[in-house]
N, C-alpha and C. Protein backbone atom coordinates (compact mmCIF):
# COMPACT_ATOMS: atom_id res chain seq x y z
N MET A 1 -5.99 24.18 27.68
CA MET A 1 -6.28 23.21 26.25
C MET A 1 -5.70 23.76 25.01
N ARG A 2 -6.70 25.04 25.26
CA ARG A 2 -6.64 25.85 23.93
C ARG A 2 -5.72 26.42 23.34
N LEU A 3 -4.60 26.78 24.68
CA LEU A 3 -3.32 27.34 24.27
C LEU A 3 -2.46 26.36 23.79
N LYS A 4 -2.49 24.85 24.37
CA LYS A 4 -1.48 24.16 23.83
C LYS A 4 -2.14 23.63 22.15
N LEU A 5 -3.40 24.00 21.99
CA LEU A 5 -3.76 23.48 20.59
C LEU A 5 -3.07 24.73 19.72
N ALA A 6 -3.27 25.80 20.08
CA ALA A 6 -3.06 26.86 19.45
C ALA A 6 -1.58 27.01 19.03
N ARG A 7 -0.68 26.70 20.03
CA ARG A 7 0.85 26.49 19.87
C ARG A 7 1.25 25.47 18.97
N LEU A 8 0.62 24.19 18.69
CA LEU A 8 0.60 23.32 17.91
C LEU A 8 0.26 23.62 16.71
N LEU A 9 -1.05 24.28 16.44
CA LEU A 9 -0.89 24.55 15.09
C LEU A 9 -0.17 25.68 14.55
N ILE A 10 0.01 26.46 15.54
CA ILE A 10 1.31 27.65 14.94
C ILE A 10 2.58 26.85 14.55
N ARG A 11 2.98 25.98 15.38
CA ARG A 11 4.01 25.43 15.33
C ARG A 11 4.17 24.64 13.53
N TRP A 12 2.77 23.74 13.48
CA TRP A 12 2.91 23.24 12.40
C TRP A 12 2.80 24.15 10.81
N ALA A 13 2.14 25.13 11.12
CA ALA A 13 1.76 26.08 10.31
C ALA A 13 3.23 26.49 9.72
N LEU A 14 4.11 26.91 10.77
CA LEU A 14 5.41 27.16 10.29
C LEU A 14 6.23 26.30 9.85
N LEU A 15 6.08 25.18 10.49
CA LEU A 15 6.79 24.18 9.60
C LEU A 15 6.51 23.96 8.15
N LEU A 16 5.21 23.79 7.68
CA LEU A 16 4.83 23.91 6.46
C LEU A 16 5.24 25.20 5.65
N VAL A 17 5.27 26.47 6.11
CA VAL A 17 5.74 27.54 5.40
C VAL A 17 7.17 27.22 5.09
N LYS A 18 7.90 26.82 6.14
CA LYS A 18 9.39 26.64 6.12
C LYS A 18 9.86 25.67 5.02
N GLY A 19 8.99 24.66 4.92
CA GLY A 19 9.17 23.59 4.07
C GLY A 19 9.87 22.29 4.63
N GLY A 20 10.91 21.84 4.08
CA GLY A 20 11.70 20.72 4.80
C GLY A 20 11.16 19.37 4.40
N GLU A 21 11.41 18.50 5.29
CA GLU A 21 11.06 17.04 5.13
C GLU A 21 9.28 16.84 5.13
N THR A 22 8.80 17.81 5.87
CA THR A 22 7.25 17.83 5.76
C THR A 22 6.55 17.94 4.41
N MET A 23 7.05 18.99 3.83
CA MET A 23 6.29 19.48 2.52
C MET A 23 6.83 18.34 1.34
N LEU A 24 8.32 18.02 1.65
CA LEU A 24 8.85 17.01 0.71
C LEU A 24 7.71 15.68 0.65
N ALA A 25 7.42 15.45 1.60
CA ALA A 25 6.71 13.84 2.10
C ALA A 25 5.28 14.39 1.38
N VAL A 26 4.74 15.61 1.48
CA VAL A 26 3.21 16.19 0.88
C VAL A 26 3.69 16.05 -0.59
N TYR A 27 4.64 16.77 -1.01
CA TYR A 27 4.75 17.11 -2.54
C TYR A 27 4.95 15.48 -3.17
N VAL A 28 5.84 14.74 -2.31
CA VAL A 28 5.69 13.32 -3.09
C VAL A 28 4.51 12.66 -3.38
N ALA A 29 3.53 12.69 -2.09
CA ALA A 29 2.14 12.02 -2.00
C ALA A 29 1.35 12.84 -2.96
N LEU A 30 1.32 13.91 -3.14
CA LEU A 30 0.44 14.68 -4.30
C LEU A 30 0.79 14.11 -5.61
N ILE A 31 2.02 14.24 -6.01
CA ILE A 31 2.51 14.02 -7.47
C ILE A 31 1.99 12.15 -7.50
N HIS A 32 2.19 11.18 -6.44
CA HIS A 32 2.00 9.83 -6.41
C HIS A 32 0.48 9.90 -6.95
N LYS A 33 -0.50 10.68 -6.32
CA LYS A 33 -1.67 10.26 -6.20
C LYS A 33 -2.31 11.21 -7.73
N GLY A 34 -1.61 11.81 -8.17
CA GLY A 34 -1.53 12.43 -9.34
C GLY A 34 -2.72 13.78 -9.28
N VAL A 35 -2.68 14.53 -8.28
CA VAL A 35 -3.20 15.84 -7.75
C VAL A 35 -2.34 16.75 -8.60
N ILE A 36 -0.85 16.81 -8.30
CA ILE A 36 -0.07 17.75 -9.19
C ILE A 36 1.23 17.34 -9.70
N LYS A 37 1.59 17.66 -10.82
CA LYS A 37 2.80 17.32 -11.47
C LYS A 37 3.95 18.11 -10.86
N LEU A 38 5.31 17.51 -11.08
CA LEU A 38 6.62 17.97 -10.59
C LEU A 38 6.71 19.47 -11.12
N GLU A 39 6.21 19.78 -12.02
CA GLU A 39 6.59 20.91 -12.52
C GLU A 39 5.67 22.18 -11.86
N ALA A 40 4.55 21.70 -10.83
CA ALA A 40 3.91 22.63 -10.09
C ALA A 40 4.75 22.67 -8.62
N VAL A 41 5.65 21.99 -8.42
CA VAL A 41 6.60 21.85 -7.10
C VAL A 41 7.11 23.40 -7.28
N PRO A 42 7.40 24.16 -6.44
CA PRO A 42 8.37 25.05 -6.18
C PRO A 42 9.89 25.13 -6.61
N THR A 43 10.40 25.82 -7.67
CA THR A 43 11.68 25.51 -8.24
C THR A 43 12.50 25.28 -7.26
N GLY A 44 12.81 25.81 -5.84
CA GLY A 44 13.54 25.43 -5.06
C GLY A 44 13.69 23.96 -4.47
N SER A 45 12.62 23.26 -4.36
CA SER A 45 12.14 22.13 -3.61
C SER A 45 12.21 21.15 -4.83
N ARG A 46 12.24 21.46 -6.13
CA ARG A 46 11.84 20.49 -7.30
C ARG A 46 12.86 19.25 -7.21
N GLU A 47 14.28 19.72 -7.11
CA GLU A 47 15.23 18.59 -7.16
C GLU A 47 15.25 17.47 -6.27
N LYS A 48 14.67 18.05 -4.72
CA LYS A 48 14.68 17.35 -4.04
C LYS A 48 13.56 16.44 -3.93
N VAL A 49 12.39 17.00 -4.39
CA VAL A 49 11.16 15.97 -4.81
C VAL A 49 11.37 15.03 -6.04
N ALA A 50 12.30 15.48 -6.63
CA ALA A 50 12.51 14.29 -7.90
C ALA A 50 13.40 13.24 -7.38
N GLU A 51 14.33 13.63 -6.39
CA GLU A 51 15.39 12.60 -5.99
C GLU A 51 14.46 11.85 -5.31
N ALA A 52 13.51 12.37 -4.23
CA ALA A 52 12.57 11.62 -3.14
C ALA A 52 12.02 10.47 -4.20
N LEU A 53 11.37 10.81 -5.10
CA LEU A 53 10.47 10.23 -5.98
C LEU A 53 11.23 8.83 -6.75
N GLU A 54 12.46 9.29 -7.27
CA GLU A 54 13.55 8.30 -7.65
C GLU A 54 13.71 7.24 -6.32
N ALA A 55 14.18 7.78 -5.32
CA ALA A 55 14.49 6.76 -4.03
C ALA A 55 13.28 5.97 -4.08
N ALA A 56 12.02 6.59 -4.03
CA ALA A 56 10.83 5.48 -3.74
C ALA A 56 10.47 4.62 -4.84
N GLY A 57 11.39 4.83 -6.03
CA GLY A 57 11.06 3.75 -7.12
C GLY A 57 10.02 4.38 -7.93
N MET A 58 9.65 5.45 -8.01
CA MET A 58 8.69 6.42 -9.07
C MET A 58 9.34 6.89 -10.03
N ASP A 59 8.61 7.14 -11.13
CA ASP A 59 8.99 8.14 -12.09
C ASP A 59 8.82 9.41 -11.97
N GLN A 60 8.66 10.47 -12.66
CA GLN A 60 8.55 11.99 -12.43
C GLN A 60 7.22 12.00 -12.27
N ASN A 61 6.11 11.17 -12.81
CA ASN A 61 4.75 11.50 -12.60
C ASN A 61 4.37 10.78 -11.67
N GLY A 62 4.94 10.02 -10.77
CA GLY A 62 4.50 9.50 -9.71
C GLY A 62 4.13 8.01 -9.76
N ASN A 63 4.56 7.46 -11.05
CA ASN A 63 3.98 6.01 -11.36
C ASN A 63 5.28 5.14 -10.83
N ILE A 64 5.04 3.85 -10.34
CA ILE A 64 5.67 3.05 -9.83
C ILE A 64 6.42 2.52 -11.11
N ALA A 65 7.66 2.52 -11.20
CA ALA A 65 8.79 2.25 -12.14
C ALA A 65 9.13 0.74 -11.88
């Protein structure tokens, strides 16, 4: 059981470090809640996050437009 949990946590940590869809969703949620601004998102992901915000019907500050 501990080994499975350790593998799961390592896999999850690697996905977060790698980025991708998981971090995109995290950034969009944080911006929507007002925790961070779009400028705080790393430059490599900033364009994708802006596109996801627009697709969700939000402005750059996470407010519903």
